C-alpha atoms as a PDB file:
ATOM      1  CA  MET A   1       2.605   8.315   3.248  1.00  0.00           C
ATOM      2  CA  GLY A   2       1.311   4.943   1.897  1.00  0.00           C
ATOM      3  CA  LEU A   3       0.494   1.954   3.324  1.00  0.00           C
ATOM      4  CA  GLN A   4       2.095  -1.789   2.296  1.00  0.00           C
ATOM      5  CA  ILE A   5      -0.076  -4.672   2.936  1.00  0.00           C
ATOM      6  CA  LEU A   6       2.397  -7.909   3.496  1.00  0.00           C
ATOM      7  CA  ILE A   7      -0.093 -10.942   2.045  1.00  0.00           C
ATOM      8  CA  SER A   8       2.267 -14.103   2.986  1.00  0.00           C
ATOM      9  CA  ASP A   9       3.655 -16.055  -0.116  1.00  0.00           C
ATOM     10  CA  SER A  10       1.287 -18.533   0.011  1.00  0.00           C
ATOM     11  CA  VAL A  11      -1.679 -16.895   0.120  1.00  0.00           C
ATOM     12  CA  LEU A  12      -0.906 -14.753  -3.690  1.00  0.00           C
ATOM     13  CA  GLN A  13      -0.803 -18.667  -4.840  1.00  0.00           C
ATOM     14  CA  ALA A  14      -4.119 -19.379  -3.591  1.00  0.00           C
ATOM     15  CA  ILE A  15      -5.377 -16.438  -5.527  1.00  0.00           C
ATOM     16  CA  ARG A  16      -6.801 -18.024  -8.509  1.00  0.00           C
ATOM     17  CA  LEU A  17      -5.198 -15.187 -10.851  1.00  0.00           C
ATOM     18  CA  PRO A  18      -2.985 -14.455 -12.929  1.00  0.00           C
ATOM     19  CA  GLU A  19       0.215 -12.867 -10.949  1.00  0.00           C
ATOM     20  CA  GLN A  20       0.324  -9.590 -13.389  1.00  0.00           C
ATOM     21  CA  ARG A  21      -3.461  -9.436 -11.944  1.00  0.00           C
ATOM     22  CA  ILE A  22      -3.683  -9.461  -8.400  1.00  0.00           C
ATOM     23  CA  GLU A  23      -2.391  -5.633  -7.708  1.00  0.00           C
ATOM     24  CA  GLN A  24      -5.554  -4.737  -9.267  1.00  0.00           C
ATOM     25  CA  GLU A  25      -7.393  -7.011  -8.323  1.00  0.00           C
ATOM     26  CA  LEU A  26      -7.330  -6.626  -4.531  1.00  0.00           C
ATOM     27  CA  ARG A  27      -7.232  -3.182  -5.233  1.00  0.00           C
ATOM     28  CA  GLN A  28     -10.832  -3.365  -6.567  1.00  0.00           C
ATOM     29  CA  GLU A  29     -11.641  -4.979  -4.029  1.00  0.00           C
ATOM     30  CA  LEU A  30     -10.873  -2.963  -1.245  1.00  0.00           C
ATOM     31  CA  ALA A  31     -11.936   0.034  -2.812  1.00  0.00           C
ATOM     32  CA  ILE A  32     -15.710  -2.119  -3.193  1.00  0.00           C
ATOM     33  CA  ALA A  33     -15.882  -3.239   0.108  1.00  0.00           C
ATOM     34  CA  LEU A  34     -14.531   0.690   1.445  1.00  0.00           C
ATOM     35  CA  TYR A  35     -17.552   1.903  -0.168  1.00  0.00           C
ATOM     36  CA  SER A  36     -20.232  -0.539   0.436  1.00  0.00           C
ATOM     37  CA  GLN A  37     -19.288   0.006   4.142  1.00  0.00           C
ATOM     38  CA  ASP A  38     -19.764   3.939   3.433  1.00  0.00           C
ATOM     39  CA  LEU A  39     -15.291   4.073   5.040  1.00  0.00           C
ATOM     40  CA  LEU A  40     -14.668   6.054   1.681  1.00  0.00           C
ATOM     41  CA  SER A  41     -15.782   8.118  -0.649  1.00  0.00           C
ATOM     42  CA  PHE A  42     -16.386   7.662  -4.255  1.00  0.00           C
ATOM     43  CA  GLY A  43     -13.616   9.339  -5.236  1.00  0.00           C
ATOM     44  CA  LYS A  44     -10.978   7.927  -2.975  1.00  0.00           C
ATOM     45  CA  ALA A  45     -12.454   3.905  -3.574  1.00  0.00           C
ATOM     46  CA  ARG A  46     -12.402   4.772  -6.864  1.00  0.00           C
ATOM     47  CA  GLU A  47      -8.909   6.425  -6.754  1.00  0.00           C
ATOM     48  CA  LEU A  48      -8.069   3.177  -4.481  1.00  0.00           C
ATOM     49  CA  ALA A  49      -8.519   1.441  -7.781  1.00  0.00           C
ATOM     50  CA  VAL A  50      -7.703   3.330 -10.091  1.00  0.00           C
ATOM     51  CA  MET A  51     -10.592   3.824 -12.283  1.00  0.00           C
ATOM     52  CA  ASP A  52     -12.213   6.698 -13.616  1.00  0.00           C
ATOM     53  CA  LYS A  53     -15.713   7.674 -12.300  1.00  0.00           C
ATOM     54  CA  TYR A  54     -17.389   5.586 -14.541  1.00  0.00           C
ATOM     55  CA  GLN A  55     -15.615   3.053 -14.908  1.00  0.00           C
ATOM     56  CA  PHE A  56     -15.786   2.302 -10.795  1.00  0.00           C
ATOM     57  CA  GLY A  57     -19.746   3.331 -11.199  1.00  0.00           C
ATOM     58  CA  GLN A  58     -19.808   0.683 -13.503  1.00  0.00           C
ATOM     59  CA  LEU A  59     -17.921  -2.222 -11.501  1.00  0.00           C
ATOM     60  CA  LEU A  60     -20.318  -1.365  -8.077  1.00  0.00           C
ATOM     61  CA  GLY A  61     -23.198  -1.980 -10.472  1.00  0.00           C
ATOM     62  CA  GLU A  62     -21.511  -5.545 -11.986  1.00  0.00           C
ATOM     63  CA  ARG A  63     -21.863  -6.281  -8.100  1.00  0.00           C
ATOM     64  CA  GLY A  64     -24.742  -4.494  -6.792  1.00  0.00           C
ATOM     65  CA  VAL A  65     -23.317  -2.121  -4.594  1.00  0.00           C
ATOM     66  CA  LEU A  66     -25.528   1.131  -4.618  1.00  0.00           C
ATOM     67  CA  ARG A  67     -24.570   4.846  -5.224  1.00  0.00           C
ATOM     68  CA  HIS A  68     -23.929   6.733  -2.339  1.00  0.00           C
ATOM     69  CA  TYR A  69     -24.603  10.158  -3.416  1.00  0.00           C
ATOM     70  CA  THR A  70     -23.848  13.708  -1.963  1.00  0.00           C
ATOM     71  CA  PRO A  71     -25.338  16.767  -3.381  1.00  0.00           C
ATOM     72  CA  GLU A  72     -21.935  17.703  -5.234  1.00  0.00           C
ATOM     73  CA  GLU A  73     -21.532  14.664  -6.656  1.00  0.00           C
ATOM     74  CA  LEU A  74     -25.490  14.518  -8.042  1.00  0.00           C
ATOM     75  CA  ASP A  75     -24.587  17.735  -9.135  1.00  0.00           C
ATOM     76  CA  ASP A  76     -21.946  16.441 -10.611  1.00  0.00           C
ATOM     77  CA  ASP A  77     -23.829  13.330 -12.764  1.00  0.00           C
ATOM     78  CA  LEU A  78     -26.563  15.048 -13.346  1.00  0.00           C
ATOM     79  CA  THR A  79     -24.293  17.999 -15.785  1.00  0.00           C
ATOM     80  CA  TYR A  80     -22.005  15.398 -17.361  1.00  0.00           C
ATOM     81  CA  ALA A  81     -25.523  13.405 -18.597  1.00  0.00           C
ATOM     82  CA  ARG A  82     -26.416  16.787 -19.857  1.00  0.00           C
ATOM     83  CA  SER A  83     -23.155  17.466 -22.205  1.00  0.00           C
END
């Protein structure tokens, strides 16, 4: 099951981005908002944003959003950093 959100043409036209970037930018903004409010996990937020772990982590850093670590995520990151 998926969800589609209808956005009026007037709003889409008001977004100051090239048309081909609008969907990706909206996905990223929604992912950041839901993650920062602790409504979505890091993994699901990056899935929504269609980004890998590194890319989404970078995006959060650029926006000044602190990473919420579960013990498992911390272990994964430490393992990755050591490799």
